[in-house]
Amino acid sequence: MAILKIEDLYTLDETIACDIFEGCTYPWEVLPKIKDFIIKLGNTLPEDIYELRGENIWIAKSAKVFDSAYINGPCIIDEDAEVRHCAFIRGNAIVGKGCVVGNSTELKNVILFNKVQVPHYNYVGDSILGYRSHMGAGSITSNVKSDKTLVVVKDKDEQIETGLKKFGAMLGDYVEVGCNSVLNPGTVIGKRSSIYPTSCVRGVIPADHIYKCKTEITGRTE
């Protein structure tokens, strides 16, 4: 399928976690590896830039973390990131350089590339968000199917079995997700695509497209 491979979605130079993708074809293959990867990487981080705050929690000294935020390990908060009031990081999370994790936002088993913004009431679970992607207020990733069966990535008549029960969304670089949208399990959104507010998205959205509804997905003209 087009746009589903790691190199089609992400700029690997824009994450401290670039090595986790080695040997993988599709980005969701790394989801089960995030926990162990963080622990291994965290123990190699330079002490002049990062400090260990609790068990397997490494936070860059230049990052701003509000006192009311809750952070559970394993976790890495990279340089100049901002973790705001009442953010809830449940663990297995890599928050990239310059990221914003906002008010009441919840993260679990995720990689946020550099400059990602999840600033207002977002849930992001079992997902990877590419460089400078942004989720509008109240938008979430749904990471488990209602019937609890394994997630399949579907693009029209094609499909890929992932073998994963928990799989939220793969957002390419520069993706914009409108307010109060739901990204259903197994959603993949190509680089520079935009999702209209209050959308319910499922399947594969090509790069450089605008998702208005499931029957209206148009290519960008600018």
N, C-alpha and C. Protein backbone atom coordinates (compact mmCIF):
# COMPACT_ATOMS: atom_id res chain seq x y z
N MET A 1 0.83 -1.21 0.00
CA MET A 1 0.00 0.00 0.00
C MET A 1 0.87 1.26 0.00
N ALA A 2 0.37 2.27 -0.66
CA ALA A 2 1.09 3.55 -0.70
C ALA A 2 1.04 4.23 0.65
N ILE A 3 2.08 4.98 0.95
CA ILE A 3 2.24 5.88 2.10
C ILE A 3 2.27 5.19 3.46
N LEU A 4 2.28 3.89 3.51
CA LEU A 4 2.22 3.21 4.80
C LEU A 4 3.58 2.91 5.41
N LYS A 5 4.63 2.94 4.61
CA LYS A 5 5.94 2.58 5.12
C LYS A 5 6.53 3.74 5.92
N ILE A 6 7.46 3.38 6.79
CA ILE A 6 8.05 4.36 7.70
C ILE A 6 8.61 5.55 6.95
N GLU A 7 9.36 5.29 5.87
CA GLU A 7 10.01 6.38 5.14
C GLU A 7 9.00 7.28 4.42
N ASP A 8 7.79 6.77 4.18
CA ASP A 8 6.76 7.58 3.53
C ASP A 8 6.06 8.53 4.50
N LEU A 9 6.13 8.22 5.80
CA LEU A 9 5.37 8.97 6.79
C LEU A 9 6.23 9.92 7.61
N TYR A 10 7.49 9.54 7.89
CA TYR A 10 8.24 10.23 8.93
C TYR A 10 9.62 10.68 8.49
N THR A 11 10.05 11.80 9.08
CA THR A 11 11.43 12.27 8.97
C THR A 11 12.17 11.78 10.21
N LEU A 12 12.93 10.73 10.07
CA LEU A 12 13.52 10.08 11.23
C LEU A 12 14.58 10.93 11.93
N ASP A 13 15.09 11.93 11.25
CA ASP A 13 16.03 12.84 11.91
C ASP A 13 15.35 13.69 12.97
N GLU A 14 14.02 13.68 12.99
CA GLU A 14 13.27 14.54 13.90
C GLU A 14 12.70 13.78 15.10
N THR A 15 13.45 12.79 15.58
CA THR A 15 13.07 12.11 16.81
C THR A 15 14.29 11.49 17.47
N ILE A 16 14.34 11.54 18.77
CA ILE A 16 15.39 10.87 19.53
C ILE A 16 15.27 9.35 19.42
N ALA A 17 14.11 8.88 18.94
CA ALA A 17 13.82 7.45 18.86
C ALA A 17 14.07 6.86 17.48
N CYS A 18 14.91 7.51 16.67
CA CYS A 18 15.07 7.05 15.29
C CYS A 18 15.54 5.60 15.21
N ASP A 19 16.35 5.16 16.15
CA ASP A 19 16.91 3.81 16.07
C ASP A 19 15.87 2.71 16.27
N ILE A 20 14.74 3.05 16.88
CA ILE A 20 13.72 2.02 17.13
C ILE A 20 13.12 1.51 15.83
N PHE A 21 13.22 2.30 14.77
CA PHE A 21 12.60 1.93 13.50
C PHE A 21 13.49 1.03 12.63
N GLU A 22 14.72 0.83 13.05
CA GLU A 22 15.62 0.00 12.25
C GLU A 22 15.09 -1.43 12.11
N GLY A 23 15.11 -1.92 10.89
CA GLY A 23 14.66 -3.28 10.64
C GLY A 23 13.16 -3.44 10.50
N CYS A 24 12.43 -2.34 10.60
CA CYS A 24 10.97 -2.39 10.49
C CYS A 24 10.52 -1.80 9.15
N THR A 25 9.40 -2.28 8.65
CA THR A 25 8.82 -1.76 7.42
C THR A 25 7.70 -0.77 7.70
N TYR A 26 6.80 -1.16 8.60
CA TYR A 26 5.65 -0.33 8.94
C TYR A 26 5.81 0.23 10.35
N PRO A 27 5.39 1.46 10.58
CA PRO A 27 5.67 2.09 11.88
C PRO A 27 5.02 1.41 13.07
N TRP A 28 3.86 0.80 12.88
CA TRP A 28 3.19 0.17 14.02
C TRP A 28 3.96 -1.05 14.54
N GLU A 29 4.92 -1.54 13.77
CA GLU A 29 5.73 -2.67 14.24
C GLU A 29 6.54 -2.32 15.48
N VAL A 30 6.78 -1.03 15.72
CA VAL A 30 7.60 -0.64 16.87
C VAL A 30 6.78 -0.46 18.14
N LEU A 31 5.48 -0.48 18.06
CA LEU A 31 4.66 -0.22 19.25
C LEU A 31 4.99 -1.16 20.42
N PRO A 32 5.16 -2.46 20.19
CA PRO A 32 5.50 -3.34 21.33
C PRO A 32 6.92 -3.14 21.87
N LYS A 33 7.75 -2.37 21.16
CA LYS A 33 9.15 -2.21 21.54
C LYS A 33 9.42 -0.94 22.33
N ILE A 34 8.43 -0.07 22.46
CA ILE A 34 8.68 1.27 23.00
C ILE A 34 9.20 1.21 24.44
N LYS A 35 8.59 0.40 25.28
CA LYS A 35 8.99 0.34 26.68
C LYS A 35 10.47 0.00 26.83
N ASP A 36 10.90 -1.11 26.26
CA ASP A 36 12.29 -1.54 26.41
C ASP A 36 13.25 -0.56 25.76
N PHE A 37 12.82 0.04 24.65
CA PHE A 37 13.68 1.00 23.96
C PHE A 37 13.95 2.22 24.84
N ILE A 38 12.91 2.72 25.51
CA ILE A 38 13.09 3.89 26.37
C ILE A 38 14.09 3.60 27.48
N ILE A 39 13.96 2.46 28.11
CA ILE A 39 14.86 2.12 29.22
C ILE A 39 16.31 2.03 28.72
N LYS A 40 16.49 1.40 27.58
CA LYS A 40 17.85 1.27 27.03
C LYS A 40 18.41 2.62 26.65
N LEU A 41 17.61 3.43 25.95
CA LEU A 41 18.08 4.75 25.52
C LEU A 41 18.29 5.68 26.70
N GLY A 42 17.36 5.65 27.65
CA GLY A 42 17.44 6.55 28.79
C GLY A 42 18.74 6.41 29.56
N ASN A 43 19.20 5.20 29.69
CA ASN A 43 20.42 4.95 30.45
C ASN A 43 21.69 5.42 29.74
N THR A 44 21.55 5.86 28.49
CA THR A 44 22.70 6.39 27.74
C THR A 44 22.65 7.91 27.59
N LEU A 45 21.60 8.55 28.05
CA LEU A 45 21.44 9.99 27.84
C LEU A 45 22.44 10.78 28.69
N PRO A 46 22.99 11.86 28.14
CA PRO A 46 24.01 12.63 28.87
C PRO A 46 23.41 13.36 30.08
N GLU A 47 24.08 13.25 31.21
CA GLU A 47 23.56 13.82 32.45
C GLU A 47 23.61 15.34 32.47
N ASP A 48 24.38 15.94 31.59
CA ASP A 48 24.41 17.39 31.55
C ASP A 48 23.19 17.97 30.82
N ILE A 49 22.46 17.12 30.10
CA ILE A 49 21.27 17.58 29.37
C ILE A 49 19.98 17.03 29.97
N TYR A 50 20.02 15.80 30.47
CA TYR A 50 18.84 15.13 31.00
C TYR A 50 19.06 14.79 32.47
N GLU A 51 17.96 14.76 33.22
CA GLU A 51 18.05 14.30 34.59
C GLU A 51 17.04 13.19 34.83
N LEU A 52 17.40 12.26 35.69
CA LEU A 52 16.53 11.15 36.04
C LEU A 52 15.62 11.59 37.17
N ARG A 53 14.31 11.56 36.91
CA ARG A 53 13.33 11.96 37.91
C ARG A 53 12.39 10.78 38.18
N GLY A 54 12.76 9.94 39.10
CA GLY A 54 11.95 8.76 39.36
C GLY A 54 12.42 7.59 38.52
N GLU A 55 11.74 6.48 38.64
CA GLU A 55 12.17 5.25 37.98
C GLU A 55 11.94 5.32 36.48
N ASN A 56 13.03 5.27 35.73
CA ASN A 56 12.98 5.26 34.26
C ASN A 56 12.24 6.46 33.68
N ILE A 57 12.41 7.61 34.28
CA ILE A 57 11.84 8.85 33.77
C ILE A 57 12.98 9.84 33.56
N TRP A 58 13.25 10.14 32.29
CA TRP A 58 14.32 11.07 31.96
C TRP A 58 13.70 12.34 31.37
N ILE A 59 14.03 13.47 31.96
CA ILE A 59 13.46 14.74 31.53
C ILE A 59 14.60 15.72 31.24
N ALA A 60 14.56 16.31 30.05
CA ALA A 60 15.59 17.29 29.70
C ALA A 60 15.51 18.49 30.65
N LYS A 61 16.65 19.01 31.01
CA LYS A 61 16.68 20.14 31.94
C LYS A 61 16.05 21.39 31.35
N SER A 62 16.00 21.46 30.03
CA SER A 62 15.39 22.61 29.38
C SER A 62 13.88 22.46 29.19
N ALA A 63 13.33 21.28 29.49
CA ALA A 63 11.89 21.06 29.36
C ALA A 63 11.16 21.75 30.51
N LYS A 64 9.92 22.14 30.23
CA LYS A 64 9.08 22.76 31.26
C LYS A 64 7.96 21.80 31.61
N VAL A 65 7.94 21.34 32.85
CA VAL A 65 6.93 20.39 33.32
C VAL A 65 6.18 21.00 34.49
N PHE A 66 4.89 21.20 34.34
CA PHE A 66 4.08 21.78 35.40
C PHE A 66 4.01 20.83 36.59
N ASP A 67 3.95 21.40 37.78
CA ASP A 67 3.92 20.59 39.00
C ASP A 67 2.72 19.65 39.04
N SER A 68 1.63 20.03 38.40
CA SER A 68 0.40 19.24 38.44
C SER A 68 0.39 18.09 37.43
N ALA A 69 1.38 18.03 36.56
CA ALA A 69 1.44 16.93 35.58
C ALA A 69 1.84 15.64 36.28
N TYR A 70 1.31 14.51 35.77
CA TYR A 70 1.66 13.19 36.29
C TYR A 70 2.42 12.44 35.21
N ILE A 71 3.61 11.95 35.56
CA ILE A 71 4.44 11.24 34.60
C ILE A 71 4.85 9.90 35.19
N ASN A 72 4.50 8.83 34.51
CA ASN A 72 4.88 7.49 34.91
C ASN A 72 5.89 6.95 33.89
N GLY A 73 6.85 6.20 34.37
CA GLY A 73 7.86 5.66 33.47
C GLY A 73 7.45 4.33 32.86
N PRO A 74 8.21 3.88 31.87
CA PRO A 74 9.35 4.56 31.27
C PRO A 74 8.91 5.75 30.40
N CYS A 75 9.71 6.80 30.43
CA CYS A 75 9.34 8.00 29.70
C CYS A 75 10.58 8.85 29.46
N ILE A 76 10.62 9.48 28.27
CA ILE A 76 11.64 10.47 27.98
C ILE A 76 10.93 11.75 27.52
N ILE A 77 11.24 12.85 28.19
CA ILE A 77 10.76 14.17 27.77
C ILE A 77 11.98 14.90 27.23
N ASP A 78 11.97 15.21 25.95
CA ASP A 78 13.16 15.75 25.31
C ASP A 78 13.26 17.28 25.51
N GLU A 79 14.31 17.85 24.96
CA GLU A 79 14.65 19.25 25.19
C GLU A 79 13.55 20.21 24.75
N ASP A 80 13.32 21.23 25.56
CA ASP A 80 12.42 22.34 25.27
C ASP A 80 10.96 21.91 25.11
N ALA A 81 10.63 20.71 25.52
CA ALA A 81 9.22 20.29 25.52
C ALA A 81 8.48 20.96 26.67
N GLU A 82 7.16 21.02 26.55
CA GLU A 82 6.32 21.60 27.60
C GLU A 82 5.21 20.63 27.95
N VAL A 83 5.15 20.23 29.21
CA VAL A 83 4.12 19.33 29.71
C VAL A 83 3.26 20.14 30.68
N ARG A 84 2.06 20.45 30.26
CA ARG A 84 1.27 21.45 30.95
C ARG A 84 0.41 20.89 32.08
N HIS A 85 -0.41 21.77 32.63
CA HIS A 85 -1.25 21.50 33.80
C HIS A 85 -2.08 20.23 33.65
N CYS A 86 -1.94 19.34 34.60
CA CYS A 86 -2.75 18.11 34.68
C CYS A 86 -2.59 17.18 33.49
N ALA A 87 -1.49 17.28 32.77
CA ALA A 87 -1.21 16.26 31.76
C ALA A 87 -1.00 14.92 32.46
N PHE A 88 -1.36 13.83 31.78
CA PHE A 88 -1.30 12.48 32.36
C PHE A 88 -0.53 11.59 31.41
N ILE A 89 0.74 11.35 31.73
CA ILE A 89 1.57 10.47 30.90
C ILE A 89 1.66 9.12 31.62
N ARG A 90 0.99 8.12 31.08
CA ARG A 90 0.83 6.84 31.76
C ARG A 90 2.05 5.93 31.66
N GLY A 91 2.96 6.26 30.76
CA GLY A 91 4.15 5.44 30.60
C GLY A 91 4.38 5.04 29.16
N ASN A 92 5.60 4.54 28.89
CA ASN A 92 5.99 4.13 27.53
C ASN A 92 5.79 5.27 26.55
N ALA A 93 6.27 6.45 26.92
CA ALA A 93 6.06 7.64 26.09
C ALA A 93 7.37 8.35 25.82
N ILE A 94 7.57 8.73 24.56
CA ILE A 94 8.69 9.58 24.16
C ILE A 94 8.10 10.87 23.63
N VAL A 95 8.42 11.96 24.30
CA VAL A 95 7.92 13.29 23.93
C VAL A 95 9.09 14.07 23.35
N GLY A 96 8.99 14.42 22.08
CA GLY A 96 10.12 14.98 21.36
C GLY A 96 10.46 16.41 21.70
N LYS A 97 11.50 16.89 21.08
CA LYS A 97 11.98 18.25 21.30
C LYS A 97 10.89 19.27 20.92
N GLY A 98 10.66 20.23 21.79
CA GLY A 98 9.72 21.29 21.49
C GLY A 98 8.27 20.89 21.43
N CYS A 99 7.94 19.70 21.89
CA CYS A 99 6.54 19.25 21.89
C CYS A 99 5.73 19.99 22.95
N VAL A 100 4.42 20.01 22.75
CA VAL A 100 3.49 20.52 23.75
C VAL A 100 2.51 19.41 24.10
N VAL A 101 2.48 19.04 25.39
CA VAL A 101 1.49 18.09 25.91
C VAL A 101 0.63 18.89 26.87
N GLY A 102 -0.63 19.09 26.50
CA GLY A 102 -1.41 20.12 27.16
C GLY A 102 -2.32 19.67 28.28
N ASN A 103 -3.13 20.59 28.69
CA ASN A 103 -4.08 20.44 29.78
C ASN A 103 -4.92 19.18 29.65
N SER A 104 -4.80 18.29 30.61
CA SER A 104 -5.61 17.07 30.69
C SER A 104 -5.39 16.11 29.51
N THR A 105 -4.32 16.29 28.79
CA THR A 105 -3.98 15.36 27.72
C THR A 105 -3.37 14.09 28.33
N GLU A 106 -3.76 12.94 27.77
CA GLU A 106 -3.28 11.65 28.25
C GLU A 106 -2.47 10.96 27.15
N LEU A 107 -1.29 10.46 27.52
CA LEU A 107 -0.43 9.73 26.60
C LEU A 107 -0.15 8.34 27.14
N LYS A 108 -0.08 7.36 26.24
CA LYS A 108 0.23 5.99 26.66
C LYS A 108 0.80 5.22 25.47
N ASN A 109 2.02 4.72 25.62
CA ASN A 109 2.69 3.93 24.58
C ASN A 109 2.72 4.68 23.25
N VAL A 110 3.44 5.80 23.27
CA VAL A 110 3.46 6.67 22.09
C VAL A 110 4.87 7.17 21.81
N ILE A 111 5.06 7.56 20.55
CA ILE A 111 6.23 8.35 20.16
C ILE A 111 5.71 9.63 19.53
N LEU A 112 6.07 10.76 20.12
CA LEU A 112 5.78 12.06 19.54
C LEU A 112 7.08 12.59 18.95
N PHE A 113 7.12 12.75 17.66
CA PHE A 113 8.29 13.33 17.03
C PHE A 113 8.44 14.79 17.48
N ASN A 114 9.54 15.42 17.11
CA ASN A 114 9.79 16.80 17.52
C ASN A 114 8.68 17.74 17.05
N LYS A 115 8.38 18.72 17.89
CA LYS A 115 7.44 19.81 17.58
C LYS A 115 5.99 19.36 17.45
N VAL A 116 5.65 18.17 17.91
CA VAL A 116 4.25 17.73 17.92
C VAL A 116 3.48 18.52 18.98
N GLN A 117 2.21 18.82 18.67
CA GLN A 117 1.36 19.50 19.64
C GLN A 117 0.09 18.68 19.88
N VAL A 118 -0.10 18.31 21.14
CA VAL A 118 -1.35 17.70 21.60
C VAL A 118 -1.79 18.54 22.82
N PRO A 119 -2.30 19.73 22.58
CA PRO A 119 -2.33 20.75 23.62
C PRO A 119 -3.58 20.84 24.48
N HIS A 120 -4.69 20.19 24.07
CA HIS A 120 -5.94 20.41 24.81
C HIS A 120 -6.81 19.15 24.84
N TYR A 121 -6.90 18.50 25.97
CA TYR A 121 -7.88 17.43 26.18
C TYR A 121 -7.79 16.32 25.13
N ASN A 122 -6.59 15.89 24.84
CA ASN A 122 -6.39 14.83 23.85
C ASN A 122 -6.08 13.51 24.53
N TYR A 123 -6.49 12.40 23.90
CA TYR A 123 -6.01 11.08 24.29
C TYR A 123 -5.24 10.51 23.11
N VAL A 124 -3.98 10.14 23.37
CA VAL A 124 -3.14 9.55 22.34
C VAL A 124 -2.56 8.26 22.90
N GLY A 125 -2.99 7.14 22.36
CA GLY A 125 -2.55 5.85 22.86
C GLY A 125 -2.12 4.92 21.74
N ASP A 126 -1.01 4.21 21.93
CA ASP A 126 -0.52 3.23 20.97
C ASP A 126 -0.45 3.83 19.57
N SER A 127 0.21 4.98 19.51
CA SER A 127 0.24 5.79 18.29
C SER A 127 1.60 6.42 18.10
N ILE A 128 1.87 6.85 16.86
CA ILE A 128 3.09 7.59 16.52
C ILE A 128 2.69 8.84 15.75
N LEU A 129 3.12 9.99 16.25
CA LEU A 129 2.76 11.27 15.63
C LEU A 129 4.02 11.90 15.05
N GLY A 130 3.98 12.19 13.75
CA GLY A 130 5.15 12.68 13.04
C GLY A 130 5.46 14.15 13.30
N TYR A 131 6.59 14.56 12.79
CA TYR A 131 7.15 15.90 12.99
C TYR A 131 6.11 16.99 12.70
N ARG A 132 5.93 17.87 13.68
CA ARG A 132 5.04 19.03 13.60
C ARG A 132 3.57 18.67 13.36
N SER A 133 3.19 17.44 13.65
CA SER A 133 1.76 17.13 13.57
C SER A 133 1.04 17.75 14.76
N HIS A 134 -0.26 17.95 14.60
CA HIS A 134 -1.04 18.70 15.60
C HIS A 134 -2.42 18.08 15.71
N MET A 135 -2.87 17.88 16.95
CA MET A 135 -4.22 17.40 17.19
C MET A 135 -5.01 18.51 17.88
N GLY A 136 -6.12 18.90 17.26
CA GLY A 136 -6.95 19.96 17.82
C GLY A 136 -7.61 19.54 19.12
N ALA A 137 -8.18 20.51 19.80
CA ALA A 137 -8.78 20.29 21.11
C ALA A 137 -9.82 19.18 21.07
N GLY A 138 -9.69 18.24 22.00
CA GLY A 138 -10.68 17.17 22.12
C GLY A 138 -10.53 16.03 21.14
N SER A 139 -9.59 16.10 20.22
CA SER A 139 -9.41 15.00 19.27
C SER A 139 -8.64 13.86 19.94
N ILE A 140 -8.97 12.63 19.58
CA ILE A 140 -8.40 11.47 20.26
C ILE A 140 -8.08 10.35 19.27
N THR A 141 -7.21 9.46 19.73
CA THR A 141 -7.00 8.19 19.03
C THR A 141 -7.75 7.11 19.80
N SER A 142 -8.57 6.35 19.09
CA SER A 142 -9.22 5.18 19.67
C SER A 142 -8.34 3.98 19.37
N ASN A 143 -7.86 3.30 20.39
CA ASN A 143 -6.80 2.31 20.16
C ASN A 143 -7.22 0.85 20.34
N VAL A 144 -8.49 0.59 20.64
CA VAL A 144 -8.97 -0.78 20.78
C VAL A 144 -10.32 -0.89 20.09
N LYS A 145 -10.50 -1.91 19.26
CA LYS A 145 -11.78 -2.11 18.59
C LYS A 145 -12.86 -2.54 19.59
N SER A 146 -14.08 -2.20 19.31
CA SER A 146 -15.16 -2.51 20.25
C SER A 146 -15.35 -4.00 20.44
N ASP A 147 -15.02 -4.80 19.43
CA ASP A 147 -15.16 -6.26 19.57
C ASP A 147 -13.86 -6.91 20.05
N LYS A 148 -12.84 -6.08 20.33
CA LYS A 148 -11.56 -6.52 20.89
C LYS A 148 -10.76 -7.45 19.96
N THR A 149 -11.11 -7.48 18.68
CA THR A 149 -10.33 -8.27 17.73
C THR A 149 -9.08 -7.50 17.31
N LEU A 150 -8.15 -8.19 16.63
CA LEU A 150 -6.90 -7.57 16.22
C LEU A 150 -7.13 -6.52 15.14
N VAL A 151 -6.33 -5.48 15.20
CA VAL A 151 -6.50 -4.34 14.29
C VAL A 151 -5.95 -4.68 12.92
N VAL A 152 -6.70 -4.29 11.90
CA VAL A 152 -6.30 -4.46 10.50
C VAL A 152 -6.26 -3.08 9.86
N VAL A 153 -5.17 -2.77 9.16
CA VAL A 153 -5.08 -1.52 8.42
C VAL A 153 -5.72 -1.73 7.05
N LYS A 154 -6.73 -0.93 6.75
CA LYS A 154 -7.51 -1.12 5.53
C LYS A 154 -7.42 0.11 4.62
N ASP A 155 -7.16 -0.15 3.35
CA ASP A 155 -7.16 0.90 2.33
C ASP A 155 -7.94 0.38 1.14
N LYS A 156 -9.22 0.77 1.10
CA LYS A 156 -10.14 0.28 0.07
C LYS A 156 -10.18 -1.26 0.12
N ASP A 157 -9.77 -1.94 -0.93
CA ASP A 157 -9.87 -3.40 -0.95
C ASP A 157 -8.63 -4.09 -0.40
N GLU A 158 -7.61 -3.31 -0.05
CA GLU A 158 -6.39 -3.89 0.49
C GLU A 158 -6.41 -3.85 2.01
N GLN A 159 -5.70 -4.77 2.64
CA GLN A 159 -5.62 -4.74 4.08
C GLN A 159 -4.34 -5.42 4.55
N ILE A 160 -3.86 -4.96 5.72
CA ILE A 160 -2.68 -5.53 6.33
C ILE A 160 -3.02 -5.95 7.75
N GLU A 161 -2.79 -7.21 8.05
CA GLU A 161 -2.99 -7.71 9.41
C GLU A 161 -1.83 -7.22 10.27
N THR A 162 -2.13 -6.56 11.38
CA THR A 162 -1.06 -6.02 12.24
C THR A 162 -0.69 -6.96 13.38
N GLY A 163 -1.60 -7.85 13.75
CA GLY A 163 -1.36 -8.72 14.90
C GLY A 163 -1.46 -8.00 16.24
N LEU A 164 -1.94 -6.76 16.22
CA LEU A 164 -2.01 -5.95 17.43
C LEU A 164 -3.45 -5.76 17.89
N LYS A 165 -3.68 -5.93 19.17
CA LYS A 165 -4.98 -5.62 19.74
C LYS A 165 -5.12 -4.13 19.99
N LYS A 166 -4.00 -3.49 20.34
CA LYS A 166 -4.01 -2.06 20.63
C LYS A 166 -3.17 -1.32 19.60
N PHE A 167 -3.84 -0.46 18.84
CA PHE A 167 -3.18 0.30 17.77
C PHE A 167 -4.08 1.49 17.49
N GLY A 168 -3.60 2.67 17.81
CA GLY A 168 -4.39 3.88 17.61
C GLY A 168 -4.24 4.43 16.21
N ALA A 169 -3.32 5.37 16.02
CA ALA A 169 -3.16 6.01 14.71
C ALA A 169 -1.70 6.31 14.43
N MET A 170 -1.36 6.28 13.15
CA MET A 170 -0.05 6.71 12.66
C MET A 170 -0.27 8.01 11.89
N LEU A 171 0.27 9.11 12.42
CA LEU A 171 0.14 10.40 11.76
C LEU A 171 1.48 10.78 11.15
N GLY A 172 1.49 11.06 9.86
CA GLY A 172 2.71 11.49 9.21
C GLY A 172 3.10 12.90 9.61
N ASP A 173 4.23 13.36 9.09
CA ASP A 173 4.70 14.71 9.38
C ASP A 173 3.67 15.75 8.93
N TYR A 174 3.54 16.82 9.70
CA TYR A 174 2.71 17.98 9.37
C TYR A 174 1.21 17.66 9.24
N VAL A 175 0.75 16.60 9.84
CA VAL A 175 -0.68 16.29 9.80
C VAL A 175 -1.44 17.21 10.76
N GLU A 176 -2.61 17.67 10.33
CA GLU A 176 -3.48 18.50 11.17
C GLU A 176 -4.79 17.75 11.40
N VAL A 177 -5.13 17.56 12.67
CA VAL A 177 -6.38 16.88 13.03
C VAL A 177 -7.30 17.90 13.70
N GLY A 178 -8.49 18.08 13.15
CA GLY A 178 -9.42 19.08 13.66
C GLY A 178 -10.01 18.71 15.01
N CYS A 179 -10.55 19.72 15.67
CA CYS A 179 -11.09 19.56 17.02
C CYS A 179 -12.17 18.48 17.08
N ASN A 180 -12.17 17.73 18.19
CA ASN A 180 -13.20 16.74 18.50
C ASN A 180 -13.32 15.63 17.45
N SER A 181 -12.24 15.34 16.77
CA SER A 181 -12.23 14.23 15.83
C SER A 181 -11.81 12.94 16.53
N VAL A 182 -12.27 11.81 15.99
CA VAL A 182 -11.90 10.49 16.50
C VAL A 182 -11.16 9.74 15.40
N LEU A 183 -9.95 9.31 15.71
CA LEU A 183 -9.18 8.48 14.79
C LEU A 183 -9.33 7.04 15.26
N ASN A 184 -10.04 6.24 14.49
CA ASN A 184 -10.35 4.88 14.89
C ASN A 184 -9.13 3.96 14.79
N PRO A 185 -9.18 2.79 15.46
CA PRO A 185 -8.02 1.89 15.47
C PRO A 185 -7.53 1.57 14.05
N GLY A 186 -6.21 1.68 13.86
CA GLY A 186 -5.62 1.35 12.57
C GLY A 186 -5.64 2.48 11.56
N THR A 187 -5.93 3.69 12.00
CA THR A 187 -5.93 4.82 11.08
C THR A 187 -4.50 5.23 10.73
N VAL A 188 -4.25 5.50 9.45
CA VAL A 188 -2.95 6.00 8.98
C VAL A 188 -3.21 7.24 8.14
N ILE A 189 -2.56 8.35 8.50
CA ILE A 189 -2.77 9.61 7.79
C ILE A 189 -1.44 10.07 7.20
N GLY A 190 -1.42 10.26 5.89
CA GLY A 190 -0.19 10.62 5.19
C GLY A 190 0.27 12.03 5.48
N LYS A 191 1.51 12.30 5.12
CA LYS A 191 2.13 13.61 5.37
C LYS A 191 1.27 14.76 4.83
N ARG A 192 1.21 15.82 5.63
CA ARG A 192 0.62 17.11 5.24
C ARG A 192 -0.88 17.04 4.98
N SER A 193 -1.53 15.98 5.41
CA SER A 193 -2.98 15.91 5.25
C SER A 193 -3.69 16.53 6.44
N SER A 194 -4.93 16.96 6.20
CA SER A 194 -5.73 17.63 7.23
C SER A 194 -7.07 16.91 7.41
N ILE A 195 -7.50 16.87 8.65
CA ILE A 195 -8.78 16.24 9.00
C ILE A 195 -9.72 17.33 9.49
N TYR A 196 -10.92 17.40 8.90
CA TYR A 196 -11.90 18.39 9.33
C TYR A 196 -12.32 18.15 10.79
N PRO A 197 -12.70 19.21 11.50
CA PRO A 197 -13.20 19.05 12.87
C PRO A 197 -14.40 18.10 12.93
N THR A 198 -14.55 17.43 14.06
CA THR A 198 -15.64 16.49 14.38
C THR A 198 -15.71 15.30 13.43
N SER A 199 -14.62 14.95 12.80
CA SER A 199 -14.61 13.82 11.88
C SER A 199 -14.45 12.50 12.63
N CYS A 200 -14.96 11.44 12.02
CA CYS A 200 -14.73 10.08 12.49
C CYS A 200 -13.97 9.36 11.38
N VAL A 201 -12.68 9.11 11.63
CA VAL A 201 -11.77 8.66 10.57
C VAL A 201 -11.41 7.21 10.76
N ARG A 202 -11.39 6.48 9.66
CA ARG A 202 -11.01 5.07 9.69
C ARG A 202 -10.25 4.74 8.41
N GLY A 203 -9.19 3.94 8.52
CA GLY A 203 -8.47 3.51 7.33
C GLY A 203 -7.30 4.41 6.98
N VAL A 204 -6.99 4.48 5.69
CA VAL A 204 -5.80 5.18 5.21
C VAL A 204 -6.20 6.45 4.47
N ILE A 205 -5.61 7.57 4.90
CA ILE A 205 -5.81 8.85 4.22
C ILE A 205 -4.50 9.20 3.51
N PRO A 206 -4.52 9.39 2.20
CA PRO A 206 -3.27 9.63 1.47
C PRO A 206 -2.61 10.95 1.88
N ALA A 207 -1.34 11.07 1.56
CA ALA A 207 -0.62 12.32 1.81
C ALA A 207 -1.23 13.45 0.99
N ASP A 208 -1.11 14.67 1.53
CA ASP A 208 -1.54 15.89 0.82
C ASP A 208 -3.02 15.87 0.46
N HIS A 209 -3.85 15.37 1.37
CA HIS A 209 -5.30 15.35 1.16
C HIS A 209 -6.02 16.04 2.32
N ILE A 210 -7.26 16.38 2.06
CA ILE A 210 -8.14 16.96 3.07
C ILE A 210 -9.32 16.02 3.27
N TYR A 211 -9.49 15.56 4.51
CA TYR A 211 -10.58 14.66 4.85
C TYR A 211 -11.74 15.49 5.38
N LYS A 212 -12.84 15.53 4.62
CA LYS A 212 -14.04 16.24 5.05
C LYS A 212 -15.07 15.27 5.65
N CYS A 213 -15.21 14.13 5.02
CA CYS A 213 -16.01 13.02 5.52
C CYS A 213 -15.59 11.80 4.72
N LYS A 214 -16.12 10.62 5.06
CA LYS A 214 -15.61 9.40 4.41
C LYS A 214 -15.93 9.34 2.92
N THR A 215 -16.88 10.16 2.47
CA THR A 215 -17.21 10.19 1.04
C THR A 215 -16.60 11.39 0.34
N GLU A 216 -15.87 12.22 1.07
CA GLU A 216 -15.27 13.40 0.46
C GLU A 216 -13.86 13.60 1.00
N ILE A 217 -12.89 13.05 0.26
CA ILE A 217 -11.48 13.19 0.58
C ILE A 217 -10.81 13.76 -0.66
N THR A 218 -10.38 15.00 -0.57
CA THR A 218 -9.91 15.71 -1.75
C THR A 218 -8.42 16.02 -1.65
N GLY A 219 -7.76 16.06 -2.81
CA GLY A 219 -6.35 16.43 -2.84
C GLY A 219 -6.18 17.93 -2.65
N ARG A 220 -5.07 18.29 -2.05
CA ARG A 220 -4.78 19.72 -1.88
C ARG A 220 -4.51 20.37 -3.24
N THR A 221 -4.91 21.62 -3.37
CA THR A 221 -4.68 22.36 -4.61
C THR A 221 -3.67 23.47 -4.43
N GLU A 222 -3.11 23.57 -3.21
CA GLU A 222 -2.14 24.65 -2.94
C GLU A 222 -0.78 24.09 -2.58
